[in-house]
Amino acid sequence: MPLTPRFLALVAFCLSLFHPAWAQSPQLDLQRVKLTAGMYQIDAQVAQTPLQRQVGLMFRKEMPQAEGMLFIFEQPTVQCFWMKNTLLPLTAAFVADDGRIVNLVDMQPLSEQSHCSEEPVRYVLEMNQGWFAKKNIRKGARLGGAVFAAAPR
């Protein structure tokens, strides 16, 4: 088999599963979606495959204030997140299918402490820590965006 760039990328990916030092690059090229929180706009990367969700915002050293990452799961369940290999302090919004924020949790960098949703959810939106508080967005507020309108009820 010729050593094509695609083949080499596949080999590097497979090795990264066994050698974490090879996988220390942040995900910067994921699909994006526009969300709203009240009058505020959010440009969110979308993590929807198991590998994308596993890596999440790990290894990121900075993130613009109006950006975040939206984790999308196949069905609503109690979701729990931790911050292993995540360098930024984040706030996670656990979000119901209709865009309602079920609960918000602040998470500290590099912590393996688990933070869970208060009820089954399909979505989790991570933003820079304090973003929701500065915008006075609290539990019960609704996020907007086509992703929530398209969610099965």
N, C-alpha and C. Protein backbone atom coordinates (compact mmCIF):
# COMPACT_ATOMS: atom_id res chain seq x y z
N MET A 1 0.85 -1.18 0.00
CA MET A 1 0.00 0.00 0.00
C MET A 1 0.89 1.23 0.00
N PRO A 2 0.62 2.19 -0.89
CA PRO A 2 1.44 3.42 -0.92
C PRO A 2 1.17 4.27 0.33
N LEU A 3 2.17 5.00 0.74
CA LEU A 3 2.05 5.85 1.92
C LEU A 3 1.45 7.20 1.52
N THR A 4 0.15 7.22 1.30
CA THR A 4 -0.54 8.45 0.94
C THR A 4 -0.74 9.31 2.19
N PRO A 5 -0.96 10.61 2.02
CA PRO A 5 -1.22 11.46 3.19
C PRO A 5 -2.42 10.96 4.00
N ARG A 6 -3.44 10.46 3.32
CA ARG A 6 -4.63 9.96 4.03
C ARG A 6 -4.27 8.75 4.89
N PHE A 7 -3.46 7.82 4.32
CA PHE A 7 -3.04 6.64 5.06
C PHE A 7 -2.21 7.05 6.27
N LEU A 8 -1.27 7.97 6.08
CA LEU A 8 -0.42 8.43 7.19
C LEU A 8 -1.25 9.11 8.28
N ALA A 9 -2.26 9.86 7.87
CA ALA A 9 -3.14 10.50 8.86
C ALA A 9 -3.89 9.45 9.66
N LEU A 10 -4.34 8.40 9.00
CA LEU A 10 -5.04 7.32 9.69
C LEU A 10 -4.11 6.62 10.68
N VAL A 11 -2.89 6.37 10.28
CA VAL A 11 -1.92 5.74 11.17
C VAL A 11 -1.65 6.64 12.39
N ALA A 12 -1.45 7.93 12.14
CA ALA A 12 -1.21 8.87 13.25
C ALA A 12 -2.40 8.90 14.20
N PHE A 13 -3.62 8.89 13.65
CA PHE A 13 -4.82 8.89 14.50
C PHE A 13 -4.85 7.62 15.35
N CYS A 14 -4.63 6.47 14.74
CA CYS A 14 -4.66 5.22 15.49
C CYS A 14 -3.60 5.20 16.59
N LEU A 15 -2.40 5.68 16.27
CA LEU A 15 -1.36 5.74 17.29
C LEU A 15 -1.71 6.71 18.41
N SER A 16 -2.42 7.78 18.08
CA SER A 16 -2.78 8.76 19.11
C SER A 16 -3.72 8.16 20.14
N LEU A 17 -4.47 7.14 19.74
CA LEU A 17 -5.36 6.48 20.70
C LEU A 17 -4.57 5.75 21.77
N PHE A 18 -3.34 5.33 21.43
CA PHE A 18 -2.51 4.58 22.36
C PHE A 18 -1.40 5.42 22.97
N HIS A 19 -1.07 6.54 22.35
CA HIS A 19 -0.03 7.44 22.84
C HIS A 19 -0.62 8.84 22.99
N PRO A 20 -1.19 9.15 24.17
CA PRO A 20 -1.85 10.44 24.37
C PRO A 20 -1.00 11.65 24.02
N ALA A 21 0.31 11.56 24.13
CA ALA A 21 1.16 12.72 23.80
C ALA A 21 1.00 13.12 22.34
N TRP A 22 0.66 12.18 21.47
CA TRP A 22 0.47 12.48 20.06
C TRP A 22 -0.84 13.20 19.81
N ALA A 23 -1.77 13.11 20.75
CA ALA A 23 -3.12 13.65 20.54
C ALA A 23 -3.33 14.97 21.27
N GLN A 24 -2.29 15.72 21.53
CA GLN A 24 -2.42 16.92 22.32
C GLN A 24 -2.64 18.16 21.47
N SER A 25 -3.39 18.04 20.43
CA SER A 25 -3.75 19.18 19.59
C SER A 25 -5.21 19.50 19.80
N PRO A 26 -5.54 20.78 19.95
CA PRO A 26 -6.95 21.13 20.13
C PRO A 26 -7.75 20.92 18.84
N GLN A 27 -9.03 20.66 19.00
CA GLN A 27 -9.94 20.57 17.86
C GLN A 27 -10.33 21.99 17.46
N LEU A 28 -9.94 22.40 16.28
CA LEU A 28 -10.24 23.75 15.84
C LEU A 28 -11.05 23.77 14.54
N ASP A 29 -11.24 22.61 13.95
CA ASP A 29 -11.86 22.56 12.62
C ASP A 29 -13.23 21.88 12.61
N LEU A 30 -13.91 21.85 13.73
CA LEU A 30 -15.24 21.23 13.78
C LEU A 30 -16.28 22.12 13.12
N GLN A 31 -17.37 21.49 12.71
CA GLN A 31 -18.52 22.24 12.19
C GLN A 31 -18.95 23.26 13.25
N ARG A 32 -19.52 24.37 12.79
CA ARG A 32 -19.97 25.42 13.72
C ARG A 32 -21.46 25.65 13.55
N VAL A 33 -22.07 26.15 14.62
CA VAL A 33 -23.48 26.48 14.61
C VAL A 33 -23.66 27.81 15.35
N LYS A 34 -24.61 28.61 14.89
CA LYS A 34 -24.92 29.89 15.55
C LYS A 34 -26.02 29.65 16.58
N LEU A 35 -25.79 30.12 17.79
CA LEU A 35 -26.77 30.02 18.86
C LEU A 35 -27.03 31.42 19.41
N THR A 36 -28.15 31.57 20.11
CA THR A 36 -28.43 32.82 20.80
C THR A 36 -28.74 32.51 22.26
N ALA A 37 -28.39 33.46 23.09
CA ALA A 37 -28.73 33.43 24.52
C ALA A 37 -29.24 34.83 24.81
N GLY A 38 -30.57 34.99 24.81
CA GLY A 38 -31.13 36.33 24.90
C GLY A 38 -30.70 37.12 23.68
N MET A 39 -30.12 38.28 23.91
CA MET A 39 -29.67 39.12 22.79
C MET A 39 -28.24 38.82 22.35
N TYR A 40 -27.62 37.83 22.96
CA TYR A 40 -26.21 37.52 22.69
C TYR A 40 -26.08 36.40 21.66
N GLN A 41 -25.09 36.55 20.79
CA GLN A 41 -24.78 35.55 19.76
C GLN A 41 -23.63 34.67 20.23
N ILE A 42 -23.72 33.38 19.92
CA ILE A 42 -22.67 32.43 20.27
C ILE A 42 -22.28 31.69 18.99
N ASP A 43 -20.98 31.62 18.74
CA ASP A 43 -20.45 30.84 17.63
C ASP A 43 -19.89 29.57 18.26
N ALA A 44 -20.62 28.46 18.10
CA ALA A 44 -20.25 27.23 18.80
C ALA A 44 -19.73 26.16 17.85
N GLN A 45 -18.58 25.58 18.20
CA GLN A 45 -18.13 24.39 17.50
C GLN A 45 -19.05 23.25 17.95
N VAL A 46 -19.28 22.28 17.07
CA VAL A 46 -20.18 21.18 17.37
C VAL A 46 -19.38 19.89 17.53
N ALA A 47 -19.49 19.28 18.70
CA ALA A 47 -18.87 17.98 18.98
C ALA A 47 -20.00 16.96 19.03
N GLN A 48 -20.10 16.14 17.97
CA GLN A 48 -21.23 15.21 17.95
C GLN A 48 -20.84 13.74 17.79
N THR A 49 -19.60 13.46 17.43
CA THR A 49 -19.19 12.06 17.38
C THR A 49 -18.57 11.70 18.74
N PRO A 50 -18.50 10.42 19.07
CA PRO A 50 -17.89 10.05 20.35
C PRO A 50 -16.47 10.60 20.52
N LEU A 51 -15.65 10.55 19.47
CA LEU A 51 -14.27 11.06 19.60
C LEU A 51 -14.26 12.57 19.76
N GLN A 52 -15.09 13.29 18.99
CA GLN A 52 -15.16 14.74 19.13
C GLN A 52 -15.61 15.13 20.54
N ARG A 53 -16.59 14.42 21.08
CA ARG A 53 -17.06 14.71 22.44
C ARG A 53 -15.99 14.38 23.47
N GLN A 54 -15.24 13.30 23.25
CA GLN A 54 -14.20 12.91 24.20
C GLN A 54 -13.10 13.96 24.27
N VAL A 55 -12.68 14.49 23.14
CA VAL A 55 -11.61 15.49 23.11
C VAL A 55 -12.14 16.85 23.55
N GLY A 56 -13.33 17.23 23.09
CA GLY A 56 -13.95 18.49 23.49
C GLY A 56 -13.01 19.67 23.35
N LEU A 57 -12.87 20.44 24.42
CA LEU A 57 -12.00 21.62 24.42
C LEU A 57 -10.63 21.35 25.05
N MET A 58 -10.26 20.08 25.13
CA MET A 58 -8.93 19.75 25.68
C MET A 58 -7.84 20.46 24.88
N PHE A 59 -6.79 20.83 25.59
CA PHE A 59 -5.55 21.39 25.03
C PHE A 59 -5.70 22.80 24.46
N ARG A 60 -6.90 23.40 24.53
CA ARG A 60 -7.07 24.79 24.07
C ARG A 60 -6.45 25.71 25.10
N LYS A 61 -5.68 26.68 24.64
CA LYS A 61 -5.06 27.65 25.55
C LYS A 61 -5.85 28.93 25.64
N GLU A 62 -6.74 29.15 24.68
CA GLU A 62 -7.60 30.34 24.70
C GLU A 62 -8.83 30.08 23.85
N MET A 63 -9.86 30.86 24.11
CA MET A 63 -11.08 30.77 23.32
C MET A 63 -11.74 32.15 23.35
N PRO A 64 -12.08 32.69 22.19
CA PRO A 64 -12.75 34.00 22.17
C PRO A 64 -14.03 33.98 23.02
N GLN A 65 -14.39 35.14 23.58
CA GLN A 65 -15.52 35.22 24.51
C GLN A 65 -16.85 34.79 23.90
N ALA A 66 -17.09 35.05 22.65
CA ALA A 66 -18.38 34.72 22.04
C ALA A 66 -18.39 33.33 21.41
N GLU A 67 -17.36 32.53 21.69
CA GLU A 67 -17.29 31.18 21.16
C GLU A 67 -17.47 30.16 22.28
N GLY A 68 -17.88 28.96 21.87
CA GLY A 68 -18.04 27.86 22.80
C GLY A 68 -18.03 26.55 22.05
N MET A 69 -18.38 25.49 22.76
CA MET A 69 -18.51 24.18 22.12
C MET A 69 -19.82 23.56 22.56
N LEU A 70 -20.61 23.13 21.57
CA LEU A 70 -21.88 22.47 21.82
C LEU A 70 -21.69 20.97 21.63
N PHE A 71 -21.91 20.21 22.68
CA PHE A 71 -21.84 18.76 22.64
C PHE A 71 -23.25 18.24 22.38
N ILE A 72 -23.38 17.40 21.36
CA ILE A 72 -24.69 16.86 21.00
C ILE A 72 -24.64 15.35 21.18
N PHE A 73 -25.58 14.83 21.95
CA PHE A 73 -25.69 13.40 22.20
C PHE A 73 -26.91 12.83 21.48
N GLU A 74 -26.91 11.53 21.25
CA GLU A 74 -27.97 10.89 20.48
C GLU A 74 -29.33 10.95 21.17
N GLN A 75 -29.33 10.85 22.49
CA GLN A 75 -30.59 10.89 23.23
C GLN A 75 -30.36 11.53 24.59
N PRO A 76 -31.44 12.07 25.18
CA PRO A 76 -31.28 12.68 26.50
C PRO A 76 -30.94 11.64 27.57
N THR A 77 -29.88 11.91 28.29
CA THR A 77 -29.50 11.13 29.47
C THR A 77 -28.82 12.10 30.44
N VAL A 78 -28.61 11.67 31.66
CA VAL A 78 -27.84 12.50 32.59
C VAL A 78 -26.41 12.54 32.04
N GLN A 79 -25.93 13.73 31.74
CA GLN A 79 -24.59 13.92 31.18
C GLN A 79 -23.65 14.39 32.28
N CYS A 80 -22.46 13.83 32.33
CA CYS A 80 -21.45 14.23 33.30
C CYS A 80 -20.16 14.58 32.56
N PHE A 81 -19.57 15.71 32.95
CA PHE A 81 -18.35 16.21 32.31
C PHE A 81 -17.27 16.41 33.36
N TRP A 82 -16.01 16.29 32.91
CA TRP A 82 -14.85 16.62 33.73
C TRP A 82 -13.88 17.41 32.88
N MET A 83 -12.77 17.82 33.46
CA MET A 83 -11.87 18.76 32.79
C MET A 83 -10.46 18.21 32.59
N LYS A 84 -10.32 16.90 32.56
CA LYS A 84 -9.00 16.31 32.34
C LYS A 84 -8.43 16.86 31.02
N ASN A 85 -7.20 17.33 31.06
CA ASN A 85 -6.48 17.89 29.90
C ASN A 85 -7.11 19.16 29.34
N THR A 86 -8.02 19.77 30.06
CA THR A 86 -8.64 21.02 29.63
C THR A 86 -7.99 22.16 30.40
N LEU A 87 -7.41 23.09 29.67
CA LEU A 87 -6.59 24.14 30.27
C LEU A 87 -7.36 25.40 30.64
N LEU A 88 -8.56 25.57 30.09
CA LEU A 88 -9.35 26.78 30.31
C LEU A 88 -10.41 26.55 31.39
N PRO A 89 -10.65 27.52 32.27
CA PRO A 89 -11.80 27.41 33.17
C PRO A 89 -13.08 27.60 32.34
N LEU A 90 -14.03 26.70 32.50
CA LEU A 90 -15.24 26.73 31.69
C LEU A 90 -16.49 26.69 32.55
N THR A 91 -17.60 27.15 31.97
CA THR A 91 -18.92 26.94 32.54
C THR A 91 -19.67 26.06 31.56
N ALA A 92 -20.27 24.99 32.08
CA ALA A 92 -21.08 24.10 31.25
C ALA A 92 -22.54 24.39 31.50
N ALA A 93 -23.28 24.58 30.41
CA ALA A 93 -24.75 24.71 30.48
C ALA A 93 -25.31 23.39 29.98
N PHE A 94 -26.04 22.70 30.83
CA PHE A 94 -26.72 21.47 30.45
C PHE A 94 -28.08 21.89 29.90
N VAL A 95 -28.38 21.49 28.66
CA VAL A 95 -29.49 22.08 27.91
C VAL A 95 -30.48 21.01 27.43
N ALA A 96 -31.76 21.24 27.68
CA ALA A 96 -32.83 20.35 27.25
C ALA A 96 -33.07 20.51 25.75
N ASP A 97 -33.86 19.59 25.18
CA ASP A 97 -34.14 19.61 23.74
C ASP A 97 -34.71 20.93 23.25
N ASP A 98 -35.49 21.60 24.08
CA ASP A 98 -36.13 22.85 23.67
C ASP A 98 -35.25 24.08 23.89
N GLY A 99 -33.98 23.87 24.32
CA GLY A 99 -33.06 24.98 24.53
C GLY A 99 -33.04 25.52 25.95
N ARG A 100 -33.86 24.97 26.83
CA ARG A 100 -33.90 25.43 28.23
C ARG A 100 -32.65 24.97 28.96
N ILE A 101 -32.01 25.93 29.65
CA ILE A 101 -30.83 25.59 30.46
C ILE A 101 -31.32 24.91 31.74
N VAL A 102 -30.95 23.65 31.90
CA VAL A 102 -31.35 22.84 33.04
C VAL A 102 -30.52 23.22 34.26
N ASN A 103 -29.23 23.35 34.07
CA ASN A 103 -28.34 23.83 35.14
C ASN A 103 -27.02 24.27 34.55
N LEU A 104 -26.31 25.09 35.31
CA LEU A 104 -25.00 25.62 34.93
C LEU A 104 -23.99 25.20 36.00
N VAL A 105 -22.79 24.82 35.56
CA VAL A 105 -21.74 24.47 36.53
C VAL A 105 -20.42 25.07 36.07
N ASP A 106 -19.70 25.65 37.02
CA ASP A 106 -18.35 26.13 36.76
C ASP A 106 -17.39 24.96 36.95
N MET A 107 -16.44 24.83 36.04
CA MET A 107 -15.49 23.72 36.08
C MET A 107 -14.07 24.27 36.03
N GLN A 108 -13.22 23.72 36.86
CA GLN A 108 -11.84 24.18 36.97
C GLN A 108 -10.91 23.40 36.05
N PRO A 109 -9.90 24.07 35.49
CA PRO A 109 -8.95 23.40 34.59
C PRO A 109 -8.28 22.19 35.23
N LEU A 110 -8.07 21.17 34.40
CA LEU A 110 -7.30 19.97 34.73
C LEU A 110 -7.90 19.15 35.87
N SER A 111 -9.14 19.40 36.23
CA SER A 111 -9.80 18.67 37.32
C SER A 111 -10.49 17.42 36.78
N GLU A 112 -10.46 16.36 37.57
CA GLU A 112 -11.17 15.14 37.22
C GLU A 112 -12.48 15.04 38.01
N GLN A 113 -12.87 16.15 38.66
CA GLN A 113 -14.15 16.17 39.36
C GLN A 113 -15.28 16.12 38.33
N SER A 114 -16.27 15.29 38.60
CA SER A 114 -17.38 15.12 37.68
C SER A 114 -18.48 16.14 37.97
N HIS A 115 -19.03 16.74 36.90
CA HIS A 115 -20.13 17.71 36.99
C HIS A 115 -21.26 17.18 36.11
N CYS A 116 -22.45 17.02 36.69
CA CYS A 116 -23.54 16.35 35.98
C CYS A 116 -24.77 17.24 35.81
N SER A 117 -25.57 16.87 34.80
CA SER A 117 -26.84 17.56 34.58
C SER A 117 -27.83 17.13 35.67
N GLU A 118 -28.75 18.04 35.99
CA GLU A 118 -29.74 17.75 37.02
C GLU A 118 -30.89 16.90 36.50
N GLU A 119 -30.97 16.74 35.18
CA GLU A 119 -31.97 15.89 34.54
C GLU A 119 -31.40 15.44 33.20
N PRO A 120 -32.03 14.46 32.55
CA PRO A 120 -31.52 14.02 31.26
C PRO A 120 -31.53 15.15 30.23
N VAL A 121 -30.41 15.30 29.51
CA VAL A 121 -30.29 16.32 28.46
C VAL A 121 -29.57 15.71 27.26
N ARG A 122 -29.76 16.33 26.11
CA ARG A 122 -29.09 15.91 24.89
C ARG A 122 -27.92 16.86 24.56
N TYR A 123 -27.93 18.08 25.12
CA TYR A 123 -26.96 19.10 24.75
C TYR A 123 -26.20 19.61 25.98
N VAL A 124 -24.93 19.94 25.75
CA VAL A 124 -24.12 20.63 26.76
C VAL A 124 -23.33 21.70 26.01
N LEU A 125 -23.45 22.94 26.48
CA LEU A 125 -22.72 24.06 25.87
C LEU A 125 -21.66 24.53 26.85
N GLU A 126 -20.39 24.44 26.43
CA GLU A 126 -19.30 24.94 27.25
C GLU A 126 -18.86 26.30 26.73
N MET A 127 -18.74 27.25 27.67
CA MET A 127 -18.28 28.61 27.38
C MET A 127 -17.19 28.96 28.38
N ASN A 128 -16.45 30.03 28.09
CA ASN A 128 -15.48 30.51 29.06
C ASN A 128 -16.18 30.74 30.39
N GLN A 129 -15.50 30.37 31.47
CA GLN A 129 -16.11 30.51 32.80
C GLN A 129 -16.48 31.97 33.05
N GLY A 130 -17.69 32.17 33.52
CA GLY A 130 -18.19 33.50 33.83
C GLY A 130 -19.00 34.13 32.71
N TRP A 131 -18.97 33.56 31.50
CA TRP A 131 -19.68 34.16 30.37
C TRP A 131 -21.17 34.25 30.67
N PHE A 132 -21.78 33.19 31.14
CA PHE A 132 -23.22 33.20 31.43
C PHE A 132 -23.53 34.19 32.55
N ALA A 133 -22.72 34.20 33.61
CA ALA A 133 -22.96 35.11 34.74
C ALA A 133 -22.86 36.56 34.30
N LYS A 134 -21.86 36.91 33.50
CA LYS A 134 -21.69 38.29 33.04
C LYS A 134 -22.87 38.75 32.18
N LYS A 135 -23.50 37.82 31.49
CA LYS A 135 -24.64 38.14 30.62
C LYS A 135 -25.98 37.97 31.36
N ASN A 136 -25.92 37.62 32.65
CA ASN A 136 -27.09 37.40 33.48
C ASN A 136 -28.00 36.30 32.92
N ILE A 137 -27.37 35.26 32.38
CA ILE A 137 -28.10 34.11 31.84
C ILE A 137 -28.02 33.00 32.88
N ARG A 138 -29.20 32.55 33.32
CA ARG A 138 -29.27 31.61 34.44
C ARG A 138 -30.05 30.36 34.08
N LYS A 139 -30.09 29.46 35.03
CA LYS A 139 -30.90 28.25 34.92
C LYS A 139 -32.32 28.66 34.52
N GLY A 140 -32.91 27.94 33.56
CA GLY A 140 -34.26 28.24 33.10
C GLY A 140 -34.31 29.11 31.86
N ALA A 141 -33.24 29.84 31.57
CA ALA A 141 -33.19 30.66 30.35
C ALA A 141 -33.18 29.71 29.15
N ARG A 142 -33.59 30.24 28.00
CA ARG A 142 -33.62 29.41 26.78
C ARG A 142 -32.57 29.88 25.78
N LEU A 143 -31.86 28.90 25.25
CA LEU A 143 -30.94 29.16 24.14
C LEU A 143 -31.73 28.98 22.86
N GLY A 144 -31.35 29.74 21.84
CA GLY A 144 -31.99 29.61 20.54
C GLY A 144 -31.01 29.11 19.50
N GLY A 145 -31.57 28.57 18.44
CA GLY A 145 -30.76 28.07 17.34
C GLY A 145 -31.47 26.93 16.65
N ALA A 146 -31.13 26.75 15.39
CA ALA A 146 -31.80 25.71 14.58
C ALA A 146 -31.62 24.33 15.19
N VAL A 147 -30.51 24.07 15.87
CA VAL A 147 -30.26 22.75 16.45
C VAL A 147 -31.35 22.38 17.46
N PHE A 148 -31.86 23.36 18.21
CA PHE A 148 -32.89 23.07 19.20
C PHE A 148 -34.25 22.90 18.55
N ALA A 149 -34.52 23.64 17.49
CA ALA A 149 -35.79 23.51 16.78
C ALA A 149 -35.88 22.15 16.09
N ALA A 150 -34.72 21.59 15.70
CA ALA A 150 -34.71 20.32 14.96
C ALA A 150 -34.67 19.10 15.87
N ALA A 151 -34.49 19.31 17.18
CA ALA A 151 -34.34 18.18 18.10
C ALA A 151 -35.66 17.42 18.21
N PRO A 152 -35.58 16.08 18.25
CA PRO A 152 -36.80 15.29 18.46
C PRO A 152 -37.39 15.60 19.83
N ARG A 153 -38.67 15.60 19.90
CA ARG A 153 -39.34 15.90 21.19
C ARG A 153 -39.86 14.64 21.84
